[in-house]
């Protein structure tokens, strides 16, 4: 006998099931739902965090252009690949911007429907009391056999009403929204609380959208610039005084906030006692004189303590040595005198710099110099620095002659020297040896061109000037993100019901139950507390297990 139901079809006999075709509009609707799902938003948020990692691993053109140049020199094979992938412009790259915009759309698509649903929930009344409360969490019963002297009459309906009115008052005092339902046989109050949980959830996501907007808009009104300042020199906040400047598209470079900074001194402390960390930097302190609106003040800048002035934050990005060099012609006239910043090349502050002398001599000369704060001669005859402080300073110069390209009208970096079309006259590969100088020493340049003097060593500070008018907004939204997250995690969403039923023997049966939306380990305790406090109010006794008869 075939026990299969009518209409049953075996898989072998069934025709192939075909899904309905979605069409263009159907696919677009499906893609929109996928993009605006919470799962997608969380994935994009994680992906954005991962995409930001390259920006902290390699120098960026905006924040550290000199670092990019150094990185290019040290990694000539890898640099072109990463440059094509826009790794050195991570936060403005096509792929980072795409993730950023997708996250923005996803969050907006998540927040708006949930906000509408939440507003509708706030305007709606709590759900009606279920017919069978015993199916709910924390269910318990209390039986009142008599009538107390606090206003409850002997009439059954009046007794139910008084009990439910007392329960409603108690629930309202506990933060619940309530609604009372009465029938001929019973009366009940339905209560709900915890709407703040969903409010916090929406606030969390809306604040994330606010951060994205603030960062996106702030990029157009922000600017970042770098300037190397040698001790005793000044920096004025105008475009021409920057070594590099990266403005947003809406920045008016002609109206930067006017102020000036003079680097009085740069103090660097190195570890000198612990052998395992010998030479490690302990502290950098730049003492500056700031002038703004005619007011002069003394300020201090540290690595993690920027100076706020004129709507900008001035950071101490780096430091190094600036050998003071004087070049004189054959007649003894000084044609060059300056403290030349030499960027450091290693932890021992071995530094490399370029000196260009285009005028005053028979020929233009360019010199590539190496400065060793604590010079130590190696077995190969070359020098190295064994300690970052100036214990045994030495300056080595390799000299070239030829057209330096300064008169061609093409911008040339002051930190590099193109030697392809120059002639080396001193140093490895030339007849004359490299010129090695101690502080105060003077030596002759080859071919009777003149002399070069190493006058001494100054310190320089590399300053990073950053202006971002949306910093306050980002901070506000970040606080709202944290507040919304904590609210959504720790505010429970609960429903509570109290039902009063008149028994045939004239007693009043009170039922209590609750329901949680999500995990709520304290729900049973909350129901018990409401029940005990309610009975205590009705009977005029203190809350406790020996109040009314219960089961």
Protein backbone atom coordinates (compact mmCIF):
# COMPACT_ATOMS: atom_id res chain seq x y z
CA UNK A 1 0.00 0.00 0.00
CA UNK A 2 1.37 3.37 -1.00
CA UNK A 3 1.36 5.63 2.06
CA UNK A 4 2.65 8.70 0.24
CA UNK A 5 0.28 11.70 0.18
CA UNK A 6 -1.64 12.65 -2.90
CA UNK A 7 0.33 14.80 -5.28
CA UNK A 8 3.69 13.37 -4.15
CA UNK A 9 6.25 13.29 -6.95
CA UNK A 10 9.56 11.48 -6.81
CA UNK A 11 12.67 13.50 -7.55
CA UNK A 12 13.43 11.23 -10.46
CA UNK A 13 10.05 11.95 -12.04
CA UNK A 14 9.97 15.68 -11.28
CA UNK A 15 10.75 18.22 -13.89
CA UNK A 16 13.78 20.39 -13.32
CA UNK A 17 12.92 23.23 -10.96
CA UNK A 18 13.55 26.62 -12.49
CA UNK A 19 13.86 29.84 -10.54
CA UNK A 20 12.06 32.92 -11.82
CA UNK A 21 14.25 35.36 -13.70
CA UNK A 22 14.97 38.49 -11.70
CA UNK A 23 15.56 40.87 -14.54
CA UNK A 24 17.58 44.08 -14.34
CA UNK A 25 15.39 45.72 -11.69
CA UNK A 26 15.36 42.55 -9.60
CA UNK A 27 19.14 42.25 -9.67
CA UNK A 28 19.54 45.91 -8.75
CA UNK A 29 17.14 45.47 -5.82
CA UNK A 30 19.04 42.36 -4.69
CA UNK A 31 22.40 44.17 -4.91
CA UNK A 32 21.03 47.12 -2.94
CA UNK A 33 19.78 44.82 -0.18
CA UNK A 34 23.14 43.10 0.00
CA UNK A 35 25.01 46.39 0.12
CA UNK A 36 22.80 47.88 2.84
CA UNK A 37 22.81 44.82 5.07
CA UNK A 38 24.48 45.07 8.47
CA UNK A 39 26.80 42.21 7.59
CA UNK A 40 28.12 44.10 4.55
CA UNK A 41 28.57 47.29 6.57
CA UNK A 42 30.64 45.46 9.19
CA UNK A 43 32.71 43.77 6.47
CA UNK A 44 33.40 47.10 4.76
CA UNK A 45 34.34 48.68 8.08
CA UNK A 46 36.85 45.89 8.68
CA UNK A 47 38.10 46.17 5.09
CA UNK A 48 38.62 49.92 5.51
CA UNK A 49 40.73 49.30 8.61
CA UNK A 50 42.84 46.75 6.72
CA UNK A 51 43.17 49.09 3.71
CA UNK A 52 44.57 51.80 5.99
CA UNK A 53 47.46 49.58 7.11
CA UNK A 54 49.78 50.40 4.15
CA UNK A 55 49.55 54.06 5.12
CA UNK A 56 51.32 53.26 8.38
CA UNK A 57 53.91 50.92 6.87
CA UNK A 58 55.35 53.17 4.17
CA UNK A 59 55.78 56.98 4.10
CA UNK A 60 53.07 59.03 2.42
CA UNK A 61 53.52 61.86 -0.08
CA UNK A 62 51.22 64.09 1.97
CA UNK A 63 52.75 63.53 5.40
CA UNK A 64 56.40 62.71 4.68
CA UNK A 65 57.55 63.50 1.12
CA UNK A 66 61.21 63.32 2.11
CA UNK A 67 60.59 59.87 3.53
CA UNK A 68 59.12 58.79 0.19
CA UNK A 69 62.26 59.97 -1.60
CA UNK A 70 64.44 58.04 0.86
CA UNK A 71 62.24 54.94 0.52
CA UNK A 72 62.56 55.19 -3.29
CA UNK A 73 66.36 55.26 -3.01
CA UNK A 74 66.46 52.30 -0.64
CA UNK A 75 63.99 50.14 -2.62
CA UNK A 76 64.50 50.94 -6.31
CA UNK A 77 62.84 47.71 -7.50
CA UNK A 78 59.78 47.69 -5.24
CA UNK A 79 59.04 51.41 -5.38
CA UNK A 80 57.61 51.58 -8.96
CA UNK A 81 55.23 48.71 -8.20
CA UNK A 82 53.90 50.24 -5.00
CA UNK A 83 53.72 53.66 -6.62
CA UNK A 84 51.48 52.34 -9.40
CA UNK A 85 49.28 50.76 -6.72
CA UNK A 86 49.05 54.21 -5.05
CA UNK A 87 50.42 52.84 -1.79
CA UNK A 88 52.29 56.10 -1.12
CA UNK A 89 48.96 57.93 -1.44
CA UNK A 90 46.93 55.37 0.48
CA UNK A 91 44.20 57.62 1.82
CA UNK A 92 43.48 59.27 -1.54
CA UNK A 93 43.93 56.15 -3.66
CA UNK A 94 41.18 54.82 -5.91
CA UNK A 95 40.78 51.57 -3.97
CA UNK A 96 40.66 53.25 -0.55
CA UNK A 97 38.16 55.82 -1.80
CA UNK A 98 35.99 53.05 -3.27
CA UNK A 99 35.82 51.23 0.07
CA UNK A 100 35.16 54.53 1.81
CA UNK A 101 32.22 55.43 -0.47
CA UNK A 102 30.74 51.92 -0.35
CA UNK A 103 30.88 51.99 3.45
CA UNK A 104 29.18 55.39 3.46
CA UNK A 105 26.34 54.18 1.20
CA UNK A 106 25.99 50.95 3.19
CA UNK A 107 25.73 52.75 6.53
CA UNK A 108 23.19 55.27 5.20
CA UNK A 109 21.17 52.42 3.73
CA UNK A 110 21.26 50.66 7.11
CA UNK A 111 20.45 53.66 9.27
CA UNK A 112 17.52 55.24 7.43
CA UNK A 113 15.17 52.19 7.37
CA UNK A 114 16.03 51.33 10.98
CA UNK A 115 15.42 54.92 12.03
CA UNK A 116 11.95 54.89 10.46
CA UNK A 117 11.16 51.55 12.07
CA UNK A 118 12.39 52.82 15.45
CA UNK A 119 10.26 55.97 15.25
CA UNK A 120 7.22 53.83 14.41
CA UNK A 121 7.99 51.62 17.43
CA UNK A 122 8.23 54.63 19.71
CA UNK A 123 4.85 55.89 18.53
CA UNK A 124 3.17 52.49 18.80
CA UNK A 125 1.68 51.12 22.02
CA UNK A 126 3.26 48.12 23.76
CA UNK A 127 1.95 44.77 22.48
CA UNK A 128 -1.20 43.30 24.05
CA UNK A 129 -0.90 40.88 26.92
CA UNK A 130 -0.57 37.25 25.72
CA UNK A 131 -3.41 34.90 26.65
CA UNK A 132 -1.05 32.43 28.34
CA UNK A 133 1.65 34.15 30.34
CA UNK A 134 2.99 30.86 31.64
CA UNK A 135 4.84 30.48 28.36
CA UNK A 136 6.88 33.59 29.09
CA UNK A 137 10.10 33.98 31.05
CA UNK A 138 10.02 34.46 34.80
CA UNK A 139 6.35 33.50 35.06
CA UNK A 140 4.99 33.54 38.61
CA UNK A 141 1.64 33.77 40.40
CA UNK A 142 0.51 35.67 43.48
CA UNK A 143 -2.89 35.12 45.15
CA UNK A 144 -4.58 37.84 47.18
CA UNK A 145 -7.30 36.37 49.39
CA UNK A 146 -8.42 39.53 51.12
CA UNK A 147 -8.80 43.21 50.42
CA UNK A 148 -6.34 45.66 51.96
CA UNK A 149 -7.35 48.90 53.54
CA UNK A 150 -5.59 51.12 51.01
CA UNK A 151 -8.55 51.83 48.75
CA UNK A 152 -9.33 48.43 47.19
CA UNK A 153 -13.10 47.80 47.39
CA UNK A 154 -14.82 44.47 47.76
CA UNK A 155 -16.19 44.69 44.25
CA UNK A 156 -14.28 42.27 41.98
CA UNK A 157 -13.95 44.67 39.05
CA UNK A 158 -12.80 47.50 41.28
CA UNK A 159 -10.26 45.17 42.91
CA UNK A 160 -8.82 44.21 39.52
CA UNK A 161 -8.68 47.82 38.41
CA UNK A 162 -6.97 48.92 41.61
CA UNK A 163 -4.38 46.13 41.31
CA UNK A 164 -3.63 46.92 37.66
CA UNK A 165 -3.49 50.68 38.35
CA UNK A 166 -0.95 50.00 41.07
CA UNK A 167 1.08 47.78 38.73
CA UNK A 168 0.94 50.40 35.97
CA UNK A 169 2.20 53.09 38.34
CA UNK A 170 5.03 50.82 39.49
CA UNK A 171 6.05 49.93 35.94
CA UNK A 172 5.99 53.58 34.82
CA UNK A 173 8.24 54.48 37.76
CA UNK A 174 10.66 51.79 36.51
CA UNK A 175 10.86 53.37 33.05
CA UNK A 176 8.30 51.26 31.19
CA UNK A 177 5.76 52.45 28.66
CA UNK A 178 2.43 50.91 29.55
CA UNK A 179 -1.05 50.18 28.22
CA UNK A 180 -3.99 48.72 30.18
CA UNK A 181 -6.45 46.22 28.71
CA UNK A 182 -9.66 45.18 30.51
CA UNK A 183 -12.15 42.40 29.86
CA UNK A 184 -15.15 41.16 31.79
CA UNK A 185 -13.07 38.52 33.57
CA UNK A 186 -9.61 40.04 33.90
CA UNK A 187 -7.50 43.17 33.51
CA UNK A 188 -3.84 43.47 32.53
CA UNK A 189 -1.09 45.97 31.98
CA UNK A 190 1.42 45.52 29.16
CA UNK A 191 4.72 47.34 29.53
CA UNK A 192 7.86 47.71 27.48
CA UNK A 193 11.21 49.42 28.04
CA UNK A 194 14.70 49.46 26.52
CA UNK A 195 13.99 51.56 23.43
CA UNK A 196 17.22 53.33 24.29
CA UNK A 197 19.04 50.18 23.17
CA UNK A 198 17.93 50.61 19.58
CA UNK A 199 18.46 54.38 19.88
CA UNK A 200 22.08 53.69 20.86
CA UNK A 201 22.45 51.27 17.96
CA UNK A 202 21.17 53.83 15.47
CA UNK A 203 23.30 56.54 17.09
CA UNK A 204 26.37 54.31 16.70
CA UNK A 205 25.84 53.87 12.98
CA UNK A 206 24.77 57.48 12.40
CA UNK A 207 27.92 58.69 14.19
CA UNK A 208 30.02 56.47 11.91
CA UNK A 209 28.37 58.19 8.96
CA UNK A 210 29.17 61.52 10.63
CA UNK A 211 32.84 60.55 10.92
CA UNK A 212 32.96 59.59 7.24
CA UNK A 213 31.38 62.90 6.24
CA UNK A 214 33.66 64.92 8.54
CA UNK A 215 36.78 63.20 7.24
CA UNK A 216 35.67 63.51 3.61
CA UNK A 217 34.66 67.17 3.86
CA UNK A 218 37.59 68.02 6.13
CA UNK A 219 40.02 66.77 3.50
CA UNK A 220 38.94 69.57 1.18
CA UNK A 221 39.54 72.28 3.78
CA UNK A 222 42.69 70.81 5.33
CA UNK A 223 46.32 71.27 4.44
CA UNK A 224 49.58 69.67 5.46
CA UNK A 225 53.05 71.08 5.03
CA UNK A 226 56.60 70.33 6.05
CA UNK A 227 59.46 72.61 6.90
CA UNK A 228 63.01 71.95 8.11
CA UNK A 229 64.12 74.66 10.52
CA UNK A 230 67.72 74.96 11.73
CA UNK A 231 68.43 76.28 15.22
CA UNK A 232 68.27 80.07 15.16
CA UNK A 233 66.16 80.19 12.00
CA UNK A 234 62.46 81.09 11.71
CA UNK A 235 59.45 79.74 9.89
CA UNK A 236 56.60 82.01 8.75
CA UNK A 237 53.27 80.39 7.89
CA UNK A 238 53.11 81.44 4.25
CA UNK A 239 53.16 79.25 1.18
CA UNK A 240 56.66 80.24 0.05
CA UNK A 241 58.18 79.17 3.38
CA UNK A 242 57.16 75.52 3.12
CA UNK A 243 59.54 72.86 1.83
CA UNK A 244 56.48 70.88 0.72
CA UNK A 245 52.80 71.79 0.86
CA UNK A 246 49.70 69.69 0.20
CA UNK A 247 46.46 71.70 0.31
CA UNK A 248 42.88 70.47 0.04
CA UNK A 249 40.93 71.54 -3.01
CA UNK A 250 39.08 74.28 -1.09
CA UNK A 251 42.12 75.77 0.70
CA UNK A 252 42.96 79.39 -0.10
CA UNK A 253 46.76 79.30 0.02
CA UNK A 254 46.94 83.09 -0.01
CA UNK A 255 45.16 83.51 3.33
CA UNK A 256 46.92 81.11 5.69
CA UNK A 257 46.75 82.04 9.36
CA UNK A 258 49.69 84.44 9.99
CA UNK A 259 52.21 83.41 12.63
CA UNK A 260 55.93 82.65 12.91
CA UNK A 261 58.07 80.18 14.83
CA UNK A 262 61.76 80.57 15.70
CA UNK A 263 63.66 77.44 16.70
CA UNK A 264 65.75 78.50 19.69
CA UNK A 265 67.20 75.08 20.44
CA UNK A 266 66.64 71.39 19.93
CA UNK A 267 67.60 69.15 22.83
CA UNK A 268 68.02 65.43 22.24
CA UNK A 269 68.80 62.89 24.96
CA UNK A 270 70.26 59.48 24.16
CA UNK A 271 70.64 56.35 26.26
CA UNK A 272 74.23 56.19 27.47
CA UNK A 273 74.11 53.71 30.37
CA UNK A 274 72.13 50.69 29.22
CA UNK A 275 74.45 48.75 26.91
CA UNK A 276 71.55 46.88 25.32
CA UNK A 277 69.94 50.14 24.23
CA UNK A 278 73.00 52.32 23.83
CA UNK A 279 72.30 55.35 21.65
CA UNK A 280 68.51 54.95 21.66
CA UNK A 281 66.73 58.32 21.73
CA UNK A 282 65.05 59.10 25.04
CA UNK A 283 63.59 62.53 24.44
CA UNK A 284 63.30 65.26 21.80
CA UNK A 285 62.46 68.80 22.88
CA UNK A 286 62.21 71.81 20.58
CA UNK A 287 62.16 75.20 22.32
CA UNK A 288 60.57 77.78 20.05
CA UNK A 289 59.47 81.39 20.14
CA UNK A 290 56.00 81.85 18.67
CA UNK A 291 54.71 85.19 17.39
CA UNK A 292 51.02 85.59 16.54
CA UNK A 293 49.01 88.80 16.26
CA UNK A 294 51.92 90.71 17.75
CA UNK A 295 52.05 88.49 20.86
CA UNK A 296 55.36 86.71 21.55
CA UNK A 297 55.49 83.59 23.71
CA UNK A 298 57.88 80.75 24.51
CA UNK A 299 56.64 77.29 23.57
CA UNK A 300 57.85 73.69 23.69
CA UNK A 301 57.21 71.02 21.04
CA UNK A 302 57.75 67.32 21.73
CA UNK A 303 57.19 64.25 19.60
CA UNK A 304 53.75 63.51 21.07
CA UNK A 305 53.01 67.05 22.22
CA UNK A 306 52.26 69.25 19.19
CA UNK A 307 51.97 73.02 19.38
CA UNK A 308 48.56 74.43 18.58
CA UNK A 309 48.78 77.84 16.95
CA UNK A 310 46.76 79.73 14.35
CA UNK A 311 44.33 76.87 13.79
CA UNK A 312 47.17 74.45 13.02
CA UNK A 313 48.98 71.74 14.93
CA UNK A 314 52.77 71.84 14.62
CA UNK A 315 54.34 68.41 15.13
CA UNK A 316 58.00 67.56 15.71
CA UNK A 317 58.33 65.02 12.93
CA UNK A 318 62.09 64.47 12.99
CA UNK A 319 65.46 66.03 13.66
CA UNK A 320 69.06 65.88 12.55
CA UNK A 321 72.32 67.71 12.12
CA UNK A 322 73.06 70.76 10.00
CA UNK A 323 76.82 71.24 9.48
CA UNK A 324 77.78 74.91 9.14
CA UNK A 325 79.88 75.18 5.97
CA UNK A 326 81.74 78.16 4.47
CA UNK A 327 83.17 78.15 0.94
CA UNK A 328 85.65 80.83 -0.12
CA UNK A 329 87.07 81.56 -3.53
CA UNK A 330 90.76 81.73 -4.41
CA UNK A 331 90.87 85.35 -3.19
CA UNK A 332 89.51 84.38 0.22
CA UNK A 333 86.07 85.90 -0.27
CA UNK A 334 83.20 83.91 1.24
CA UNK A 335 80.80 82.87 -1.54
CA UNK A 336 78.76 80.41 0.52
CA UNK A 337 77.97 80.26 4.23
CA UNK A 338 75.06 78.30 5.63
CA UNK A 339 73.93 75.57 8.00
CA UNK A 340 72.98 72.77 5.62
CA UNK A 341 70.49 70.13 6.89
CA UNK A 342 71.81 66.59 6.48
CA UNK A 343 68.97 64.02 6.81
CA UNK A 344 69.99 60.99 8.88
CA UNK A 345 70.49 57.61 7.23
CA UNK A 346 70.61 55.23 10.21
CA UNK A 347 70.07 54.94 13.96
CA UNK A 348 73.60 56.22 14.65
CA UNK A 349 72.65 59.46 12.85
CA UNK A 350 75.04 59.00 9.94
CA UNK A 351 73.75 61.84 7.77
CA UNK A 352 73.95 62.74 4.12
CA UNK A 353 73.46 66.16 2.55
CA UNK A 354 74.19 68.24 -0.51
CA UNK A 355 75.96 71.59 -0.82
CA UNK A 356 75.51 73.58 -4.04
CA UNK A 357 77.63 76.62 -4.85
CA UNK A 358 76.45 78.08 -8.18
CA UNK A 359 78.17 81.48 -7.99
CA UNK A 360 81.43 83.08 -6.83
CA UNK A 361 83.89 80.44 -8.02
CA UNK A 362 85.51 79.78 -11.38
CA UNK A 363 83.13 76.86 -11.83
CA UNK A 364 79.90 75.76 -10.26
CA UNK A 365 80.55 73.07 -7.65
CA UNK A 366 78.32 70.56 -5.92
CA UNK A 367 79.35 68.55 -2.89
CA UNK A 368 77.84 65.39 -1.50
CA UNK A 369 78.63 65.24 2.19
CA UNK A 370 78.50 62.59 4.89
CA UNK A 371 78.39 63.67 8.50
CA UNK A 372 79.43 61.25 11.25
CA UNK A 373 78.46 62.46 14.77
CA UNK A 374 80.86 59.96 16.38
CA UNK A 375 83.25 59.00 13.61
CA UNK A 376 84.92 55.61 13.67
CA UNK A 377 87.30 54.45 10.95
CA UNK A 378 86.65 50.95 9.63
CA UNK A 379 89.20 48.44 8.46
CA UNK A 380 88.31 49.30 4.85
CA UNK A 381 89.33 52.91 5.41
CA UNK A 382 85.76 54.17 5.27
CA UNK A 383 84.07 55.93 8.17
CA UNK A 384 80.93 55.10 10.14
CA UNK A 385 79.17 56.60 13.14
CA UNK A 386 79.17 54.52 16.32
CA UNK A 387 76.95 56.81 18.43
CA UNK A 388 74.23 59.35 17.48
CA UNK A 389 75.55 62.22 19.62
CA UNK A 390 78.43 64.51 18.55
CA UNK A 391 81.33 62.92 20.46
CA UNK A 392 83.75 62.87 17.51
CA UNK A 393 82.14 64.75 14.62
CA UNK A 394 83.57 64.41 11.13
CA UNK A 395 82.40 65.79 7.78
CA UNK A 396 83.40 64.06 4.53
CA UNK A 397 82.84 65.83 1.20
CA UNK A 398 82.92 64.51 -2.36
CA UNK A 399 83.25 67.40 -4.84
CA UNK A 400 81.86 67.75 -8.38
CA UNK A 401 82.05 70.54 -10.96
CA UNK A 402 79.77 71.35 -13.86
CA UNK A 403 76.32 72.78 -14.57
CA UNK A 404 74.15 72.25 -11.50
CA UNK A 405 70.96 72.94 -13.46
CA UNK A 406 69.87 75.76 -11.17
CA UNK A 407 69.44 78.22 -14.03
CA UNK A 408 67.25 76.00 -16.22
CA UNK A 409 63.97 77.09 -14.65
CA UNK A 410 63.17 73.53 -13.53
CA UNK A 411 62.64 72.95 -9.79
CA UNK A 412 65.52 70.96 -8.28
CA UNK A 413 65.55 69.31 -4.87
CA UNK A 414 68.02 70.80 -2.42
CA UNK A 415 68.57 67.32 -0.95
CA UNK A 416 69.78 65.64 -4.13
CA UNK A 417 72.54 66.21 -6.69
CA UNK A 418 72.33 64.89 -10.24
CA UNK A 419 75.91 63.79 -10.97
CA UNK A 420 75.28 62.27 -14.41
CA UNK A 421 76.60 65.36 -16.19
CA UNK A 422 79.08 66.52 -13.55
CA UNK A 423 82.81 65.87 -13.22
CA UNK A 424 84.12 64.47 -9.98
CA UNK A 425 87.25 66.26 -8.76
CA UNK A 426 87.53 64.91 -5.20
CA UNK A 427 86.54 61.60 -3.70
CA UNK A 428 86.54 57.95 -4.76
CA UNK A 429 87.40 57.67 -8.44
CA UNK A 430 89.06 61.09 -8.64
CA UNK A 431 92.73 62.10 -8.36
CA UNK A 432 92.12 64.04 -5.15
CA UNK A 433 90.85 62.30 -2.03
CA UNK A 434 87.58 63.17 -0.38
CA UNK A 435 87.82 66.18 1.90
CA UNK A 436 87.53 65.16 5.56
CA UNK A 437 86.99 67.97 8.05
CA UNK A 438 86.83 68.28 11.80
CA UNK A 439 84.92 71.23 13.31
CA UNK A 440 86.97 74.40 12.75
CA UNK A 441 89.16 72.93 10.01
CA UNK A 442 89.69 74.49 6.58
CA UNK A 443 90.95 72.63 3.49
CA UNK A 444 91.64 73.60 -0.09
CA UNK A 445 89.32 72.67 -2.93
CA UNK A 446 90.98 70.91 -5.91
CA UNK A 447 92.16 72.84 -8.94
CA UNK A 448 92.72 76.04 -6.97
CA UNK A 449 88.98 76.78 -6.77
CA UNK A 450 89.22 78.00 -3.18
CA UNK A 451 88.69 76.57 0.30
CA UNK A 452 85.96 74.93 2.36
CA UNK A 453 85.58 75.32 6.13
CA UNK A 454 83.63 73.19 8.57
CA UNK A 455 82.60 75.84 11.13
CA UNK A 456 80.54 73.66 13.45
CA UNK A 457 77.28 71.74 13.83
CA UNK A 458 73.73 72.97 14.44
CA UNK A 459 70.60 70.94 15.00
CA UNK A 460 67.56 71.07 12.76
CA UNK A 461 63.95 70.14 13.45
CA UNK A 462 61.60 68.76 10.83
CA UNK A 463 58.20 70.32 11.50
CA UNK A 464 54.91 68.99 10.19
CA UNK A 465 52.18 71.64 10.09
CA UNK A 466 48.66 70.28 9.89
CA UNK A 467 45.38 72.19 9.62
CA UNK A 468 42.08 70.31 9.91
CA UNK A 469 38.93 72.32 10.73
CA UNK A 470 36.88 69.16 11.31
CA UNK A 471 38.93 67.74 14.19
CA UNK A 472 36.33 68.84 16.73
CA UNK A 473 33.53 67.22 14.73
CA UNK A 474 35.47 63.98 14.40
CA UNK A 475 36.03 63.96 18.18
CA UNK A 476 32.32 64.60 18.81
CA UNK A 477 31.24 61.81 16.48
CA UNK A 478 33.84 59.46 18.01
CA UNK A 479 32.35 60.13 21.46
CA UNK A 480 28.86 59.49 20.07
CA UNK A 481 30.08 56.23 18.51
CA UNK A 482 31.38 55.06 21.89
CA UNK A 483 28.26 56.24 23.73
CA UNK A 484 25.94 54.58 21.22
CA UNK A 485 27.89 51.33 21.33
CA UNK A 486 27.86 51.16 25.14
CA UNK A 487 24.14 51.97 25.21
CA UNK A 488 23.30 49.28 22.68
CA UNK A 489 25.34 46.72 24.63
CA UNK A 490 24.22 47.38 28.20
CA UNK A 491 20.60 48.61 27.98
CA UNK A 492 18.24 45.58 27.97
CA UNK A 493 15.08 45.53 25.84
CA UNK A 494 12.28 44.03 27.97
CA UNK A 495 8.57 43.48 27.96
CA UNK A 496 6.66 42.95 31.18
CA UNK A 497 3.07 41.90 31.83
CA UNK A 498 0.88 41.91 34.93
CA UNK A 499 -2.54 40.29 34.74
CA UNK A 500 -5.25 40.34 37.43
CA UNK A 501 -7.92 37.59 37.30
CA UNK A 502 -10.89 37.24 39.67
CA UNK A 503 -11.10 33.69 41.05
CA UNK A 504 -14.44 31.91 41.74
CA UNK A 505 -13.75 32.07 45.47
CA UNK A 506 -13.43 35.86 45.31
CA UNK A 507 -9.62 35.93 45.56
CA UNK A 508 -7.49 37.84 43.10
CA UNK A 509 -5.00 35.91 40.99
CA UNK A 510 -2.03 38.05 39.86
CA UNK A 511 0.22 36.76 37.09
CA UNK A 512 3.62 38.19 36.20
CA UNK A 513 5.86 37.42 33.23
CA UNK A 514 8.47 39.00 31.00
CA UNK A 515 10.13 38.67 27.62
CA UNK A 516 13.57 39.85 26.51
CA UNK A 517 14.73 40.84 23.07
CA UNK A 518 18.09 39.15 22.94
CA UNK A 519 20.14 37.91 25.87
CA UNK A 520 18.98 39.18 29.26
CA UNK A 521 20.23 37.03 32.17
CA UNK A 522 18.58 39.33 34.73
CA UNK A 523 15.06 39.09 33.31
CA UNK A 524 13.81 36.54 35.87
CA UNK A 525 15.12 38.69 38.71
CA UNK A 526 13.41 41.73 37.20
CA UNK A 527 10.05 39.92 37.02
CA UNK A 528 10.42 38.72 40.62
CA UNK A 529 11.27 42.22 41.79
CA UNK A 530 8.21 43.75 40.10
CA UNK A 531 6.00 41.03 41.58
CA UNK A 532 7.33 41.46 45.13
CA UNK A 533 7.13 45.25 45.02
CA UNK A 534 3.62 45.16 43.58
CA UNK A 535 2.31 42.79 46.24
CA UNK A 536 3.99 44.87 48.92
CA UNK A 537 2.15 47.97 47.70
CA UNK A 538 -1.21 46.17 47.59
CA UNK A 539 -0.89 44.63 51.04
CA UNK A 540 0.94 47.48 52.72
CA UNK A 541 3.79 45.18 53.78
CA UNK A 542 7.52 45.33 53.14
CA UNK A 543 8.91 43.40 50.21
CA UNK A 544 9.87 39.87 51.20
CA UNK A 545 9.08 36.21 50.81
CA UNK A 546 6.57 36.19 53.68
CA UNK A 547 4.26 38.86 52.21
CA UNK A 548 1.09 37.39 50.62
CA UNK A 549 0.39 33.79 49.94
CA UNK A 550 1.85 32.78 46.62
CA UNK A 551 2.57 29.78 44.53
